[in-house]
Amino acid sequence: MCGRFAMDKETNDLIEEFVLDGNDYRDWSVSYSIAPTDTVPIVRERRDKDSGEVTRTVEPAVWDFHPAFLKDSKRPNFNARIETLATNGLWKRAFASSRCLVPMRGYYEWSERDGLKIPHFLHGPDDLLAAAGIVAVRKVDDEWIVSTAIVTREARDTSGAVHDRMPVFLPADDWADWLNPAPSTPPPWTRRSSASRPPPSGWRAR
């Protein structure tokens, strides 16, 4: 995944599809070319320390994973390989208990022909895709900054003809397990193979 995707859903549409109830992230505006370090909408769950109640929300996050222990980096950390989520020190804490969904319409890759770069928009048959993501939260001065990285896997089918990596897309049946904020072992599907779930049926590029 080269680092561009499209998200053309309004906030209220996201809440209806992923949350049903939750905060209204009113500052989000649709974009057809989201790049690393941009602010993107994510879906995540948090548990209230006092009541124990879990709330699912749509909220903003910087597409550049930056946990508190990480020093400033010149290169953004926007993709996390699924093969190393449980072992890489940068990812594993977030993988254990701070996971999210990154909604998108599709994403872009480029091929080269006769010295020219050709863009491809890769997308599934569904109206909206839910990419697996991980979340970090750190405090900068007096402000809490939420950041995210998209989990990637080996590409297959049409997407594999353009690039060797693609996002891990989750069907609705897997959302609850992935978003569960309780520290736990990885969801079962992440342990099957390095590729995890197959791409959505009807996957295509244009």
N, C-alpha and C. Protein backbone atom coordinates (compact mmCIF):
# COMPACT_ATOMS: atom_id res chain seq x y z
N MET A 1 0.86 -1.20 0.00
CA MET A 1 0.00 0.00 0.00
C MET A 1 0.89 1.24 0.00
N CYS A 2 0.70 2.08 -0.98
CA CYS A 2 1.62 3.20 -1.19
C CYS A 2 1.35 4.41 -0.31
N GLY A 3 0.14 4.56 0.22
CA GLY A 3 -0.08 5.67 1.12
C GLY A 3 -1.08 6.71 0.65
N ARG A 4 -2.11 6.30 -0.07
CA ARG A 4 -3.20 7.19 -0.44
C ARG A 4 -4.50 6.41 -0.40
N PHE A 5 -5.54 7.02 0.20
CA PHE A 5 -6.85 6.38 0.10
C PHE A 5 -7.94 7.43 0.04
N ALA A 6 -9.16 6.99 -0.27
CA ALA A 6 -10.30 7.89 -0.43
C ALA A 6 -11.36 7.57 0.62
N MET A 7 -11.94 8.62 1.21
CA MET A 7 -13.02 8.46 2.17
C MET A 7 -14.04 9.55 1.92
N ASP A 8 -15.15 9.21 1.23
CA ASP A 8 -16.10 10.23 0.82
C ASP A 8 -17.43 10.11 1.55
N LYS A 9 -17.40 9.56 2.75
CA LYS A 9 -18.61 9.48 3.57
C LYS A 9 -18.65 10.64 4.55
N GLU A 10 -19.83 11.18 4.77
CA GLU A 10 -20.01 12.22 5.77
C GLU A 10 -20.00 11.60 7.17
N THR A 11 -19.78 12.42 8.18
CA THR A 11 -19.69 11.94 9.55
C THR A 11 -20.94 11.20 9.99
N ASN A 12 -22.11 11.74 9.71
CA ASN A 12 -23.34 11.10 10.14
C ASN A 12 -23.52 9.73 9.48
N ASP A 13 -23.08 9.60 8.23
CA ASP A 13 -23.14 8.30 7.56
C ASP A 13 -22.23 7.30 8.25
N LEU A 14 -21.05 7.76 8.68
CA LEU A 14 -20.12 6.87 9.38
C LEU A 14 -20.71 6.41 10.70
N ILE A 15 -21.32 7.32 11.42
CA ILE A 15 -21.92 6.96 12.71
C ILE A 15 -23.02 5.93 12.51
N GLU A 16 -23.86 6.12 11.51
CA GLU A 16 -24.94 5.18 11.26
C GLU A 16 -24.42 3.81 10.87
N GLU A 17 -23.33 3.76 10.09
CA GLU A 17 -22.83 2.48 9.61
C GLU A 17 -22.00 1.73 10.64
N PHE A 18 -21.18 2.44 11.40
CA PHE A 18 -20.24 1.79 12.29
C PHE A 18 -20.59 1.88 13.77
N VAL A 19 -21.35 2.89 14.15
CA VAL A 19 -21.48 3.19 15.57
C VAL A 19 -22.92 3.13 16.07
N LEU A 20 -23.83 3.74 15.36
CA LEU A 20 -25.23 3.93 15.76
C LEU A 20 -25.37 5.00 16.82
N ASP A 21 -24.52 4.99 17.84
CA ASP A 21 -24.49 6.11 18.77
C ASP A 21 -23.03 6.47 19.01
N GLY A 22 -22.76 7.70 19.38
CA GLY A 22 -21.37 8.11 19.57
C GLY A 22 -21.20 9.57 19.25
N ASN A 23 -19.96 10.02 19.35
CA ASN A 23 -19.75 11.45 19.14
C ASN A 23 -19.84 11.81 17.66
N ASP A 24 -20.14 13.04 17.37
CA ASP A 24 -20.29 13.53 16.01
C ASP A 24 -19.04 14.32 15.65
N TYR A 25 -18.16 13.71 14.90
CA TYR A 25 -16.91 14.33 14.50
C TYR A 25 -17.20 15.33 13.36
N ARG A 26 -17.60 16.52 13.74
CA ARG A 26 -18.12 17.48 12.76
C ARG A 26 -17.04 18.10 11.89
N ASP A 27 -15.79 18.04 12.29
CA ASP A 27 -14.73 18.69 11.51
C ASP A 27 -14.31 17.87 10.30
N TRP A 28 -14.77 16.62 10.20
CA TRP A 28 -14.36 15.80 9.06
C TRP A 28 -15.04 16.27 7.78
N SER A 29 -14.26 16.39 6.71
CA SER A 29 -14.81 16.67 5.38
C SER A 29 -14.28 15.62 4.43
N VAL A 30 -15.10 15.22 3.48
CA VAL A 30 -14.74 14.11 2.60
C VAL A 30 -13.48 14.44 1.80
N SER A 31 -12.74 13.39 1.44
CA SER A 31 -11.50 13.58 0.69
C SER A 31 -11.27 12.37 -0.22
N TYR A 32 -10.82 12.63 -1.42
CA TYR A 32 -10.52 11.57 -2.37
C TYR A 32 -9.02 11.29 -2.49
N SER A 33 -8.23 11.97 -1.67
CA SER A 33 -6.78 11.75 -1.70
C SER A 33 -6.21 12.02 -0.32
N ILE A 34 -6.34 11.04 0.57
CA ILE A 34 -5.83 11.15 1.94
C ILE A 34 -4.41 10.61 1.97
N ALA A 35 -3.49 11.38 2.54
CA ALA A 35 -2.08 11.02 2.56
C ALA A 35 -1.58 10.86 3.99
N PRO A 36 -0.46 10.15 4.18
CA PRO A 36 0.14 10.04 5.51
C PRO A 36 0.35 11.42 6.14
N THR A 37 0.12 11.49 7.43
CA THR A 37 0.15 12.67 8.31
C THR A 37 -1.14 13.48 8.23
N ASP A 38 -2.07 13.15 7.31
CA ASP A 38 -3.38 13.79 7.31
C ASP A 38 -4.19 13.28 8.50
N THR A 39 -5.20 14.05 8.88
CA THR A 39 -6.14 13.61 9.90
C THR A 39 -7.27 12.84 9.24
N VAL A 40 -7.57 11.65 9.77
CA VAL A 40 -8.57 10.76 9.19
C VAL A 40 -9.58 10.36 10.25
N PRO A 41 -10.79 9.96 9.84
CA PRO A 41 -11.74 9.44 10.82
C PRO A 41 -11.44 7.98 11.13
N ILE A 42 -11.49 7.62 12.40
CA ILE A 42 -11.34 6.22 12.80
C ILE A 42 -12.52 5.84 13.69
N VAL A 43 -12.77 4.55 13.79
CA VAL A 43 -13.78 4.01 14.68
C VAL A 43 -13.06 3.21 15.76
N ARG A 44 -13.32 3.51 17.02
CA ARG A 44 -12.70 2.73 18.09
C ARG A 44 -13.61 2.64 19.30
N GLU A 45 -13.27 1.72 20.20
CA GLU A 45 -14.01 1.53 21.43
C GLU A 45 -13.12 1.85 22.62
N ARG A 46 -13.74 2.49 23.64
CA ARG A 46 -13.02 2.78 24.88
C ARG A 46 -13.88 2.40 26.07
N ARG A 47 -13.22 1.95 27.13
CA ARG A 47 -13.94 1.55 28.34
C ARG A 47 -13.81 2.64 29.40
N ASP A 48 -14.93 3.07 29.96
CA ASP A 48 -14.92 4.06 31.03
C ASP A 48 -14.32 3.46 32.29
N LYS A 49 -13.35 4.15 32.89
CA LYS A 49 -12.65 3.60 34.05
C LYS A 49 -13.56 3.42 35.25
N ASP A 50 -14.56 4.28 35.38
CA ASP A 50 -15.44 4.22 36.55
C ASP A 50 -16.61 3.25 36.35
N SER A 51 -17.33 3.39 35.24
CA SER A 51 -18.52 2.56 35.03
C SER A 51 -18.23 1.24 34.34
N GLY A 52 -17.09 1.16 33.65
CA GLY A 52 -16.78 -0.05 32.89
C GLY A 52 -17.52 -0.12 31.56
N GLU A 53 -18.32 0.89 31.26
CA GLU A 53 -19.10 0.89 30.02
C GLU A 53 -18.19 1.13 28.81
N VAL A 54 -18.42 0.37 27.75
CA VAL A 54 -17.64 0.50 26.52
C VAL A 54 -18.43 1.35 25.53
N THR A 55 -17.80 2.37 24.98
CA THR A 55 -18.44 3.27 24.02
C THR A 55 -17.69 3.21 22.69
N ARG A 56 -18.42 3.07 21.61
CA ARG A 56 -17.83 3.07 20.27
C ARG A 56 -18.05 4.45 19.65
N THR A 57 -17.00 5.05 19.13
CA THR A 57 -17.08 6.40 18.59
C THR A 57 -16.38 6.53 17.24
N VAL A 58 -16.77 7.56 16.52
CA VAL A 58 -16.02 8.02 15.35
C VAL A 58 -15.25 9.26 15.79
N GLU A 59 -13.95 9.27 15.56
CA GLU A 59 -13.14 10.40 16.03
C GLU A 59 -11.94 10.61 15.11
N PRO A 60 -11.27 11.75 15.23
CA PRO A 60 -10.12 12.04 14.36
C PRO A 60 -8.83 11.40 14.87
N ALA A 61 -7.97 11.04 13.93
CA ALA A 61 -6.64 10.54 14.27
C ALA A 61 -5.67 10.95 13.16
N VAL A 62 -4.44 11.21 13.54
CA VAL A 62 -3.40 11.52 12.57
C VAL A 62 -2.90 10.20 11.97
N TRP A 63 -2.85 10.13 10.64
CA TRP A 63 -2.39 8.91 9.97
C TRP A 63 -0.86 8.86 10.00
N ASP A 64 -0.33 8.68 11.18
CA ASP A 64 1.11 8.59 11.43
C ASP A 64 1.27 8.08 12.86
N PHE A 65 1.36 6.76 13.02
CA PHE A 65 1.37 6.13 14.33
C PHE A 65 2.56 6.62 15.15
N HIS A 66 2.25 7.21 16.32
CA HIS A 66 3.31 7.84 17.12
C HIS A 66 3.02 7.63 18.60
N PRO A 67 3.41 6.50 19.17
CA PRO A 67 3.24 6.29 20.61
C PRO A 67 4.12 7.24 21.42
N ALA A 68 3.82 7.38 22.70
CA ALA A 68 4.52 8.35 23.54
C ALA A 68 6.01 8.07 23.64
N PHE A 69 6.42 6.80 23.57
CA PHE A 69 7.83 6.46 23.75
C PHE A 69 8.67 6.71 22.50
N LEU A 70 8.03 6.98 21.37
CA LEU A 70 8.75 7.12 20.11
C LEU A 70 9.25 8.55 19.93
N LYS A 71 10.53 8.69 19.64
CA LYS A 71 11.08 10.00 19.34
C LYS A 71 10.58 10.45 17.97
N ASP A 72 10.67 11.75 17.71
CA ASP A 72 10.23 12.27 16.42
C ASP A 72 10.98 11.58 15.29
N SER A 73 10.24 11.27 14.23
CA SER A 73 10.82 10.56 13.10
C SER A 73 10.58 11.36 11.82
N LYS A 74 11.54 11.31 10.91
CA LYS A 74 11.39 12.01 9.65
C LYS A 74 10.43 11.28 8.73
N ARG A 75 10.26 9.97 8.93
CA ARG A 75 9.37 9.18 8.08
C ARG A 75 8.13 8.80 8.88
N PRO A 76 6.93 9.06 8.36
CA PRO A 76 5.71 8.68 9.09
C PRO A 76 5.52 7.17 9.14
N ASN A 77 4.98 6.70 10.25
CA ASN A 77 4.67 5.28 10.42
C ASN A 77 3.18 5.11 10.13
N PHE A 78 2.84 4.88 8.88
CA PHE A 78 1.43 4.85 8.51
C PHE A 78 0.91 3.45 8.18
N ASN A 79 1.80 2.48 7.95
CA ASN A 79 1.40 1.10 7.70
C ASN A 79 2.09 0.16 8.68
N ALA A 80 1.35 -0.83 9.17
CA ALA A 80 1.90 -1.83 10.09
C ALA A 80 1.67 -3.22 9.50
N ARG A 81 2.75 -3.95 9.29
CA ARG A 81 2.64 -5.28 8.69
C ARG A 81 2.00 -6.25 9.67
N ILE A 82 1.00 -6.99 9.23
CA ILE A 82 0.30 -7.92 10.12
C ILE A 82 1.23 -9.02 10.61
N GLU A 83 2.25 -9.34 9.82
CA GLU A 83 3.17 -10.41 10.20
C GLU A 83 3.97 -10.09 11.46
N THR A 84 4.12 -8.79 11.78
CA THR A 84 4.96 -8.40 12.91
C THR A 84 4.19 -7.64 14.00
N LEU A 85 2.87 -7.61 13.92
CA LEU A 85 2.08 -6.85 14.89
C LEU A 85 2.32 -7.31 16.33
N ALA A 86 2.43 -8.62 16.53
CA ALA A 86 2.53 -9.15 17.88
C ALA A 86 3.96 -9.17 18.41
N THR A 87 4.95 -8.90 17.55
CA THR A 87 6.34 -9.03 17.97
C THR A 87 7.13 -7.73 17.89
N ASN A 88 6.76 -6.83 16.99
CA ASN A 88 7.49 -5.57 16.83
C ASN A 88 7.15 -4.64 17.99
N GLY A 89 8.17 -4.13 18.66
CA GLY A 89 7.95 -3.27 19.82
C GLY A 89 7.18 -2.00 19.53
N LEU A 90 7.21 -1.55 18.29
CA LEU A 90 6.47 -0.34 17.93
C LEU A 90 4.97 -0.59 17.92
N TRP A 91 4.57 -1.81 17.50
CA TRP A 91 3.14 -2.09 17.29
C TRP A 91 2.48 -2.89 18.41
N LYS A 92 3.22 -3.75 19.10
CA LYS A 92 2.56 -4.84 19.84
C LYS A 92 1.67 -4.37 20.98
N ARG A 93 1.99 -3.27 21.64
CA ARG A 93 1.13 -2.80 22.73
C ARG A 93 -0.22 -2.35 22.18
N ALA A 94 -0.19 -1.60 21.09
CA ALA A 94 -1.44 -1.15 20.48
C ALA A 94 -2.22 -2.33 19.92
N PHE A 95 -1.52 -3.31 19.36
CA PHE A 95 -2.19 -4.50 18.83
C PHE A 95 -2.93 -5.25 19.93
N ALA A 96 -2.38 -5.23 21.14
CA ALA A 96 -2.99 -5.96 22.25
C ALA A 96 -4.28 -5.32 22.74
N SER A 97 -4.38 -3.98 22.69
CA SER A 97 -5.54 -3.37 23.34
C SER A 97 -6.00 -2.04 22.75
N SER A 98 -5.38 -1.58 21.67
CA SER A 98 -5.77 -0.26 21.11
C SER A 98 -5.93 -0.38 19.59
N ARG A 99 -6.98 -1.08 19.21
CA ARG A 99 -7.22 -1.32 17.78
C ARG A 99 -8.38 -0.44 17.30
N CYS A 100 -8.44 -0.21 16.01
CA CYS A 100 -9.48 0.63 15.44
C CYS A 100 -9.83 0.15 14.04
N LEU A 101 -10.84 0.77 13.47
CA LEU A 101 -11.18 0.60 12.06
C LEU A 101 -10.92 1.92 11.35
N VAL A 102 -10.40 1.83 10.14
CA VAL A 102 -10.19 3.02 9.31
C VAL A 102 -11.09 2.88 8.09
N PRO A 103 -12.23 3.57 8.08
CA PRO A 103 -13.14 3.46 6.94
C PRO A 103 -12.54 4.09 5.69
N MET A 104 -12.80 3.45 4.55
CA MET A 104 -12.34 4.01 3.28
C MET A 104 -13.19 3.49 2.14
N ARG A 105 -13.25 4.26 1.08
CA ARG A 105 -13.94 3.82 -0.14
C ARG A 105 -13.03 2.89 -0.94
N GLY A 106 -11.75 3.17 -0.93
CA GLY A 106 -10.76 2.38 -1.64
C GLY A 106 -9.41 3.05 -1.48
N TYR A 107 -8.38 2.50 -2.12
CA TYR A 107 -7.05 3.08 -1.99
C TYR A 107 -6.34 3.06 -3.33
N TYR A 108 -5.23 3.79 -3.40
CA TYR A 108 -4.53 3.99 -4.66
C TYR A 108 -3.17 3.29 -4.68
N GLU A 109 -2.84 2.76 -5.83
CA GLU A 109 -1.49 2.27 -6.10
C GLU A 109 -1.08 2.78 -7.48
N TRP A 110 0.21 2.73 -7.74
CA TRP A 110 0.72 3.20 -9.03
C TRP A 110 1.58 2.12 -9.67
N SER A 111 1.45 1.99 -10.97
CA SER A 111 2.35 1.15 -11.75
C SER A 111 3.10 2.05 -12.73
N GLU A 112 4.11 1.50 -13.37
CA GLU A 112 4.91 2.30 -14.30
C GLU A 112 4.91 1.65 -15.67
N ARG A 113 4.71 2.45 -16.69
CA ARG A 113 4.72 1.97 -18.06
C ARG A 113 5.34 3.04 -18.94
N ASP A 114 6.37 2.66 -19.66
CA ASP A 114 7.07 3.58 -20.57
C ASP A 114 7.50 4.86 -19.86
N GLY A 115 7.95 4.69 -18.61
CA GLY A 115 8.45 5.82 -17.85
C GLY A 115 7.37 6.69 -17.22
N LEU A 116 6.11 6.31 -17.40
CA LEU A 116 5.01 7.08 -16.83
C LEU A 116 4.39 6.31 -15.66
N LYS A 117 4.01 7.01 -14.60
CA LYS A 117 3.32 6.41 -13.46
C LYS A 117 1.82 6.42 -13.72
N ILE A 118 1.22 5.24 -13.60
CA ILE A 118 -0.21 5.09 -13.88
C ILE A 118 -0.95 4.82 -12.58
N PRO A 119 -1.92 5.66 -12.19
CA PRO A 119 -2.64 5.44 -10.94
C PRO A 119 -3.72 4.37 -11.10
N HIS A 120 -3.93 3.59 -10.04
CA HIS A 120 -5.00 2.59 -9.99
C HIS A 120 -5.79 2.81 -8.70
N PHE A 121 -7.10 2.85 -8.80
CA PHE A 121 -7.95 2.95 -7.62
C PHE A 121 -8.51 1.56 -7.34
N LEU A 122 -8.10 0.98 -6.21
CA LEU A 122 -8.51 -0.38 -5.85
C LEU A 122 -9.63 -0.31 -4.83
N HIS A 123 -10.68 -1.06 -5.08
CA HIS A 123 -11.85 -0.99 -4.22
C HIS A 123 -12.63 -2.29 -4.31
N GLY A 124 -13.51 -2.51 -3.35
CA GLY A 124 -14.34 -3.69 -3.35
C GLY A 124 -15.73 -3.37 -3.86
N PRO A 125 -16.63 -4.36 -3.84
CA PRO A 125 -17.98 -4.14 -4.34
C PRO A 125 -18.87 -3.42 -3.36
N ASP A 126 -18.48 -3.38 -2.08
CA ASP A 126 -19.31 -2.78 -1.06
C ASP A 126 -19.20 -1.26 -1.08
N ASP A 127 -20.17 -0.62 -0.44
CA ASP A 127 -20.21 0.83 -0.41
C ASP A 127 -19.02 1.41 0.35
N LEU A 128 -18.61 0.74 1.43
CA LEU A 128 -17.52 1.26 2.26
C LEU A 128 -16.73 0.09 2.81
N LEU A 129 -15.41 0.25 2.92
CA LEU A 129 -14.53 -0.78 3.45
C LEU A 129 -14.04 -0.39 4.83
N ALA A 130 -13.76 -1.39 5.66
CA ALA A 130 -13.26 -1.14 7.01
C ALA A 130 -11.87 -1.77 7.12
N ALA A 131 -10.84 -0.95 7.09
CA ALA A 131 -9.47 -1.43 7.22
C ALA A 131 -9.12 -1.55 8.70
N ALA A 132 -8.41 -2.63 9.05
CA ALA A 132 -7.93 -2.78 10.42
C ALA A 132 -6.85 -1.75 10.69
N GLY A 133 -6.90 -1.16 11.89
CA GLY A 133 -5.89 -0.18 12.28
C GLY A 133 -5.50 -0.34 13.73
N ILE A 134 -4.43 0.32 14.12
CA ILE A 134 -4.01 0.38 15.52
C ILE A 134 -3.87 1.84 15.92
N VAL A 135 -4.00 2.10 17.23
CA VAL A 135 -4.08 3.47 17.72
C VAL A 135 -3.04 3.72 18.79
N ALA A 136 -2.48 4.93 18.80
CA ALA A 136 -1.61 5.40 19.88
C ALA A 136 -2.11 6.77 20.32
N VAL A 137 -1.97 7.05 21.61
CA VAL A 137 -2.37 8.34 22.16
C VAL A 137 -1.20 8.90 22.96
N ARG A 138 -0.83 10.14 22.71
CA ARG A 138 0.24 10.77 23.46
C ARG A 138 -0.14 12.22 23.77
N LYS A 139 0.47 12.78 24.78
CA LYS A 139 0.19 14.15 25.17
C LYS A 139 1.30 15.07 24.69
N VAL A 140 0.94 16.09 23.94
CA VAL A 140 1.88 17.09 23.45
C VAL A 140 1.46 18.43 24.05
N ASP A 141 2.31 18.97 24.93
CA ASP A 141 1.94 20.15 25.71
C ASP A 141 0.68 19.82 26.51
N ASP A 142 -0.42 20.50 26.24
CA ASP A 142 -1.65 20.22 26.98
C ASP A 142 -2.69 19.50 26.13
N GLU A 143 -2.27 18.99 24.97
CA GLU A 143 -3.23 18.39 24.04
C GLU A 143 -2.95 16.90 23.86
N TRP A 144 -4.03 16.10 23.87
CA TRP A 144 -3.91 14.67 23.60
C TRP A 144 -4.01 14.44 22.10
N ILE A 145 -3.01 13.76 21.53
CA ILE A 145 -2.95 13.49 20.09
C ILE A 145 -3.21 12.01 19.86
N VAL A 146 -4.22 11.72 19.05
CA VAL A 146 -4.52 10.34 18.65
C VAL A 146 -3.91 10.09 17.28
N SER A 147 -3.21 8.98 17.12
CA SER A 147 -2.61 8.65 15.83
C SER A 147 -2.90 7.20 15.49
N THR A 148 -2.76 6.87 14.22
CA THR A 148 -3.13 5.53 13.77
C THR A 148 -2.21 5.04 12.65
N ALA A 149 -2.17 3.73 12.48
CA ALA A 149 -1.53 3.09 11.33
C ALA A 149 -2.50 2.04 10.79
N ILE A 150 -2.49 1.84 9.50
CA ILE A 150 -3.33 0.84 8.85
C ILE A 150 -2.55 -0.47 8.77
N VAL A 151 -3.20 -1.56 9.13
CA VAL A 151 -2.57 -2.89 9.09
C VAL A 151 -2.59 -3.40 7.65
N THR A 152 -1.44 -3.89 7.18
CA THR A 152 -1.34 -4.38 5.81
C THR A 152 -0.99 -5.86 5.79
N ARG A 153 -1.25 -6.48 4.66
CA ARG A 153 -1.01 -7.90 4.45
C ARG A 153 -0.53 -8.13 3.03
N GLU A 154 -0.16 -9.37 2.74
CA GLU A 154 0.20 -9.73 1.38
C GLU A 154 -1.01 -9.53 0.47
N ALA A 155 -0.79 -8.92 -0.67
CA ALA A 155 -1.90 -8.66 -1.60
C ALA A 155 -2.21 -9.91 -2.41
N ARG A 156 -3.47 -10.02 -2.79
CA ARG A 156 -3.92 -11.12 -3.62
C ARG A 156 -4.87 -10.61 -4.69
N ASP A 157 -5.22 -11.50 -5.62
CA ASP A 157 -6.18 -11.19 -6.67
C ASP A 157 -5.75 -9.95 -7.44
N THR A 158 -6.68 -9.11 -7.81
CA THR A 158 -6.37 -7.95 -8.64
C THR A 158 -5.37 -7.01 -7.97
N SER A 159 -5.52 -6.82 -6.68
CA SER A 159 -4.63 -5.89 -5.99
C SER A 159 -3.18 -6.35 -6.06
N GLY A 160 -2.95 -7.66 -6.03
CA GLY A 160 -1.60 -8.19 -6.09
C GLY A 160 -0.91 -7.97 -7.43
N ALA A 161 -1.69 -7.72 -8.47
CA ALA A 161 -1.10 -7.43 -9.78
C ALA A 161 -0.52 -6.03 -9.84
N VAL A 162 -0.92 -5.17 -8.90
CA VAL A 162 -0.46 -3.78 -8.91
C VAL A 162 0.60 -3.54 -7.85
N HIS A 163 0.42 -4.14 -6.65
CA HIS A 163 1.35 -3.92 -5.55
C HIS A 163 1.35 -5.16 -4.67
N ASP A 164 2.46 -5.41 -3.95
CA ASP A 164 2.57 -6.64 -3.18
C ASP A 164 1.93 -6.56 -1.79
N ARG A 165 1.46 -5.37 -1.38
CA ARG A 165 0.81 -5.21 -0.07
C ARG A 165 -0.55 -4.55 -0.24
N MET A 166 -1.46 -4.84 0.69
CA MET A 166 -2.78 -4.22 0.69
C MET A 166 -3.27 -4.11 2.13
N PRO A 167 -4.25 -3.24 2.41
CA PRO A 167 -4.80 -3.17 3.77
C PRO A 167 -5.51 -4.47 4.13
N VAL A 168 -5.59 -4.75 5.43
CA VAL A 168 -6.42 -5.84 5.94
C VAL A 168 -7.83 -5.29 6.10
N PHE A 169 -8.76 -5.79 5.30
CA PHE A 169 -10.14 -5.34 5.37
C PHE A 169 -10.96 -6.35 6.17
N LEU A 170 -11.79 -5.84 7.08
CA LEU A 170 -12.56 -6.69 7.98
C LEU A 170 -14.04 -6.66 7.65
N PRO A 171 -14.67 -7.83 7.56
CA PRO A 171 -16.13 -7.86 7.43
C PRO A 171 -16.78 -7.47 8.76
N ALA A 172 -18.04 -7.11 8.70
CA ALA A 172 -18.73 -6.63 9.90
C ALA A 172 -18.70 -7.65 11.03
N ASP A 173 -18.68 -8.94 10.71
CA ASP A 173 -18.65 -9.98 11.75
C ASP A 173 -17.40 -9.92 12.61
N ASP A 174 -16.33 -9.30 12.10
CA ASP A 174 -15.06 -9.24 12.84
C ASP A 174 -14.86 -7.91 13.56
N TRP A 175 -15.74 -6.95 13.36
CA TRP A 175 -15.52 -5.63 13.94
C TRP A 175 -15.47 -5.67 15.46
N ALA A 176 -16.39 -6.37 16.08
CA ALA A 176 -16.47 -6.37 17.55
C ALA A 176 -15.21 -6.95 18.17
N ASP A 177 -14.71 -8.07 17.64
CA ASP A 177 -13.49 -8.69 18.17
C ASP A 177 -12.30 -7.75 18.01
N TRP A 178 -12.19 -7.12 16.84
CA TRP A 178 -11.04 -6.26 16.58
C TRP A 178 -11.07 -5.01 17.45
N LEU A 179 -12.25 -4.44 17.68
CA LEU A 179 -12.36 -3.20 18.44
C LEU A 179 -12.36 -3.40 19.95
N ASN A 180 -12.55 -4.62 20.42
CA ASN A 180 -12.62 -4.88 21.86
C ASN A 180 -11.40 -4.28 22.58
N PRO A 181 -11.61 -3.32 23.52
CA PRO A 181 -10.48 -2.64 24.15
C PRO A 181 -9.83 -3.43 25.28
N ALA A 182 -10.41 -4.57 25.66
CA ALA A 182 -9.83 -5.36 26.74
C ALA A 182 -8.53 -6.00 26.27
N PRO A 183 -7.44 -5.92 27.06
CA PRO A 183 -6.20 -6.61 26.69
C PRO A 183 -6.48 -8.09 26.49
N SER A 184 -6.06 -8.62 25.38
CA SER A 184 -6.39 -10.00 25.05
C SER A 184 -5.42 -10.54 24.03
N THR A 185 -5.54 -11.83 23.77
CA THR A 185 -4.77 -12.42 22.69
C THR A 185 -5.34 -11.92 21.37
N PRO A 186 -4.56 -11.95 20.30
CA PRO A 186 -5.05 -11.44 19.03
C PRO A 186 -6.30 -12.20 18.58
N PRO A 187 -7.20 -11.54 17.85
CA PRO A 187 -8.36 -12.23 17.30
C PRO A 187 -7.93 -13.46 16.51
N PRO A 188 -8.75 -14.53 16.51
CA PRO A 188 -8.33 -15.80 15.89
C PRO A 188 -7.89 -15.68 14.45
N TRP A 189 -8.56 -14.82 13.67
CA TRP A 189 -8.22 -14.78 12.25
C TRP A 189 -6.82 -14.24 12.00
N THR A 190 -6.22 -13.50 12.95
CA THR A 190 -4.87 -12.98 12.73
C THR A 190 -3.82 -14.07 12.89
N ARG A 191 -4.19 -15.22 13.43
CA ARG A 191 -3.21 -16.28 13.67
C ARG A 191 -3.24 -17.36 12.60
N ARG A 192 -4.12 -17.23 11.61
CA ARG A 192 -4.23 -18.28 10.61
C ARG A 192 -3.06 -18.27 9.64
N SER A 193 -2.70 -17.09 9.19
CA SER A 193 -1.59 -16.96 8.25
C SER A 193 -1.19 -15.51 8.20
N SER A 194 -0.08 -15.24 7.54
CA SER A 194 0.38 -13.86 7.46
C SER A 194 -0.57 -13.00 6.64
N ALA A 195 -1.43 -13.62 5.86
CA ALA A 195 -2.31 -12.86 4.97
C ALA A 195 -3.66 -12.55 5.60
N SER A 196 -4.05 -13.26 6.64
CA SER A 196 -5.35 -13.10 7.30
C SER A 196 -6.50 -13.24 6.32
N ARG A 197 -7.48 -12.37 6.46
CA ARG A 197 -8.68 -12.48 5.64
C ARG A 197 -8.39 -12.28 4.16
N PRO A 198 -9.14 -12.96 3.28
CA PRO A 198 -9.00 -12.69 1.85
C PRO A 198 -9.59 -11.33 1.51
N PRO A 199 -9.26 -10.80 0.34
CA PRO A 199 -9.86 -9.53 -0.07
C PRO A 199 -11.37 -9.69 -0.23
N PRO A 200 -12.11 -8.59 -0.25
CA PRO A 200 -13.53 -8.68 -0.50
C PRO A 200 -13.81 -9.32 -1.84
N SER A 201 -14.88 -10.12 -1.92
CA SER A 201 -15.22 -10.73 -3.18
C SER A 201 -15.54 -9.66 -4.21
N GLY A 202 -15.15 -9.88 -5.45
CA GLY A 202 -15.38 -8.88 -6.47
C GLY A 202 -14.36 -7.77 -6.47
N TRP A 203 -13.26 -7.97 -5.76
CA TRP A 203 -12.20 -6.95 -5.67
C TRP A 203 -11.74 -6.56 -7.06
N ARG A 204 -11.56 -5.28 -7.29
CA ARG A 204 -11.18 -4.85 -8.63
C ARG A 204 -10.40 -3.53 -8.59
N ALA A 205 -9.76 -3.25 -9.68
CA ALA A 205 -8.99 -2.01 -9.81
C ALA A 205 -9.49 -1.26 -11.04
N ARG A 206 -9.30 0.04 -11.02
CA ARG A 206 -9.64 0.83 -12.21
C ARG A 206 -8.74 2.05 -12.28
